[in-house]
Protein backbone atom coordinates (compact mmCIF):
# COMPACT_ATOMS: atom_id res chain seq x y z
CA UNK A 1 -24.71 -243.08 -48.47
CA UNK A 2 -26.63 -240.61 -46.32
CA UNK A 3 -26.35 -242.92 -43.29
CA UNK A 4 -22.60 -243.26 -43.81
CA UNK A 5 -22.15 -239.49 -43.97
CA UNK A 6 -24.34 -239.03 -40.91
CA UNK A 7 -22.37 -241.66 -39.00
CA UNK A 8 -19.07 -240.05 -39.93
CA UNK A 9 -20.31 -236.63 -38.95
CA UNK A 10 -21.52 -237.92 -35.60
CA UNK A 11 -18.14 -239.48 -34.89
CA UNK A 12 -16.25 -236.21 -35.41
CA UNK A 13 -15.12 -234.36 -32.32
CA UNK A 14 -17.35 -231.32 -32.13
CA UNK A 15 -16.22 -227.74 -31.52
CA UNK A 16 -17.54 -226.47 -28.23
CA UNK A 17 -19.47 -229.60 -27.33
CA UNK A 18 -20.04 -230.13 -23.66
CA UNK A 19 -19.90 -233.62 -22.15
CA UNK A 20 -23.70 -233.58 -22.01
CA UNK A 21 -24.03 -232.95 -25.76
CA UNK A 22 -20.93 -234.73 -27.04
CA UNK A 23 -22.74 -238.04 -27.49
CA UNK A 24 -23.54 -240.84 -27.83
CA UNK A 25 -26.61 -239.99 -29.90
CA UNK A 26 -29.54 -242.08 -30.88
CA UNK A 27 -30.05 -241.65 -34.59
CA UNK A 28 -33.75 -241.80 -35.29
CA UNK A 29 -36.29 -240.83 -37.91
CA UNK A 30 -36.34 -237.34 -36.44
CA UNK A 31 -32.58 -236.86 -36.91
CA UNK A 32 -31.82 -234.53 -39.79
CA UNK A 33 -28.69 -233.06 -41.30
CA UNK A 34 -28.48 -229.73 -43.10
CA UNK A 35 -25.59 -227.88 -44.70
CA UNK A 36 -25.82 -224.09 -44.54
CA UNK A 37 -23.82 -221.52 -46.49
CA UNK A 38 -22.88 -218.65 -44.18
CA UNK A 39 -21.27 -215.72 -46.02
CA UNK A 40 -18.31 -214.11 -44.24
CA UNK A 41 -17.83 -217.01 -41.80
CA UNK A 42 -14.14 -217.13 -42.64
CA UNK A 43 -12.21 -216.69 -39.39
CA UNK A 44 -12.01 -218.71 -36.19
CA UNK A 45 -13.95 -216.08 -34.24
CA UNK A 46 -16.85 -216.29 -36.70
CA UNK A 47 -16.80 -220.09 -36.58
CA UNK A 48 -16.78 -220.03 -32.79
CA UNK A 49 -19.63 -217.53 -32.64
CA UNK A 50 -21.88 -219.55 -34.98
CA UNK A 51 -21.10 -222.96 -33.47
CA UNK A 52 -21.56 -221.61 -29.95
CA UNK A 53 -25.04 -220.24 -30.70
CA UNK A 54 -26.08 -223.48 -32.42
CA UNK A 55 -24.89 -225.60 -29.50
CA UNK A 56 -27.21 -223.63 -27.19
CA UNK A 57 -30.27 -224.88 -29.07
CA UNK A 58 -32.10 -227.79 -27.51
CA UNK A 59 -32.15 -230.47 -30.20
CA UNK A 60 -28.84 -229.74 -31.93
CA UNK A 61 -26.85 -232.97 -31.85
CA UNK A 62 -23.73 -231.92 -33.73
CA UNK A 63 -22.10 -229.07 -35.59
CA UNK A 64 -19.23 -229.17 -38.06
CA UNK A 65 -17.85 -225.94 -39.49
CA UNK A 66 -16.00 -225.57 -42.79
CA UNK A 67 -14.70 -221.98 -42.84
CA UNK A 68 -12.83 -222.55 -46.12
CA UNK A 69 -16.14 -223.02 -47.94
CA UNK A 70 -18.14 -220.82 -45.50
CA UNK A 71 -20.41 -223.74 -44.62
CA UNK A 72 -21.65 -225.35 -41.49
CA UNK A 73 -23.27 -228.77 -41.19
CA UNK A 74 -25.77 -229.29 -38.39
CA UNK A 75 -27.23 -232.58 -37.19
CA UNK A 76 -30.43 -231.97 -35.26
CA UNK A 77 -33.57 -233.57 -33.90
CA UNK A 78 -36.39 -232.34 -36.15
CA UNK A 79 -38.99 -233.17 -33.51
CA UNK A 80 -37.46 -230.43 -31.33
CA UNK A 81 -36.53 -227.73 -33.87
CA UNK A 82 -36.49 -227.00 -37.57
CA UNK A 83 -34.43 -225.28 -40.23
CA UNK A 84 -36.06 -221.92 -39.48
CA UNK A 85 -34.94 -222.20 -35.83
CA UNK A 86 -31.34 -222.85 -36.92
CA UNK A 87 -31.38 -219.94 -39.34
CA UNK A 88 -32.91 -217.62 -36.74
CA UNK A 89 -30.19 -218.50 -34.22
CA UNK A 90 -27.49 -217.86 -36.83
CA UNK A 91 -29.13 -214.54 -37.67
CA UNK A 92 -29.09 -213.59 -33.98
CA UNK A 93 -25.32 -214.25 -34.02
CA UNK A 94 -25.01 -211.66 -36.80
CA UNK A 95 -24.83 -213.91 -39.87
CA UNK A 96 -27.12 -214.87 -42.73
CA UNK A 97 -27.49 -218.44 -43.96
CA UNK A 98 -29.08 -220.51 -46.67
CA UNK A 99 -29.27 -224.28 -47.22
CA UNK A 100 -26.85 -225.72 -49.78
CA UNK A 101 -25.45 -229.06 -50.87
CA UNK A 102 -22.44 -230.18 -48.80
CA UNK A 103 -19.01 -229.30 -50.26
CA UNK A 104 -17.24 -232.23 -51.88
């Protein structure tokens, strides 16, 4: 199930992805997916701000925002960065975050 979700997420067109980061990706053991709750990420400007800062991180492979549920899903290479790096970048953009289960 996790591989199916990861495959679907990777096939989604990403907000703000450049041709260099848009894919294709090699899914490996180091590839991780995390869903983060980001309070007050409700408008398109907030979504853009958070996704933009995440896309600047070396090792982020994909970002999918869900402003309705104030969540963002990030696919990243754990050999290059970790959850703390993602949360720090989000904090630098002016938001707080915490890991949660994906919305259903």
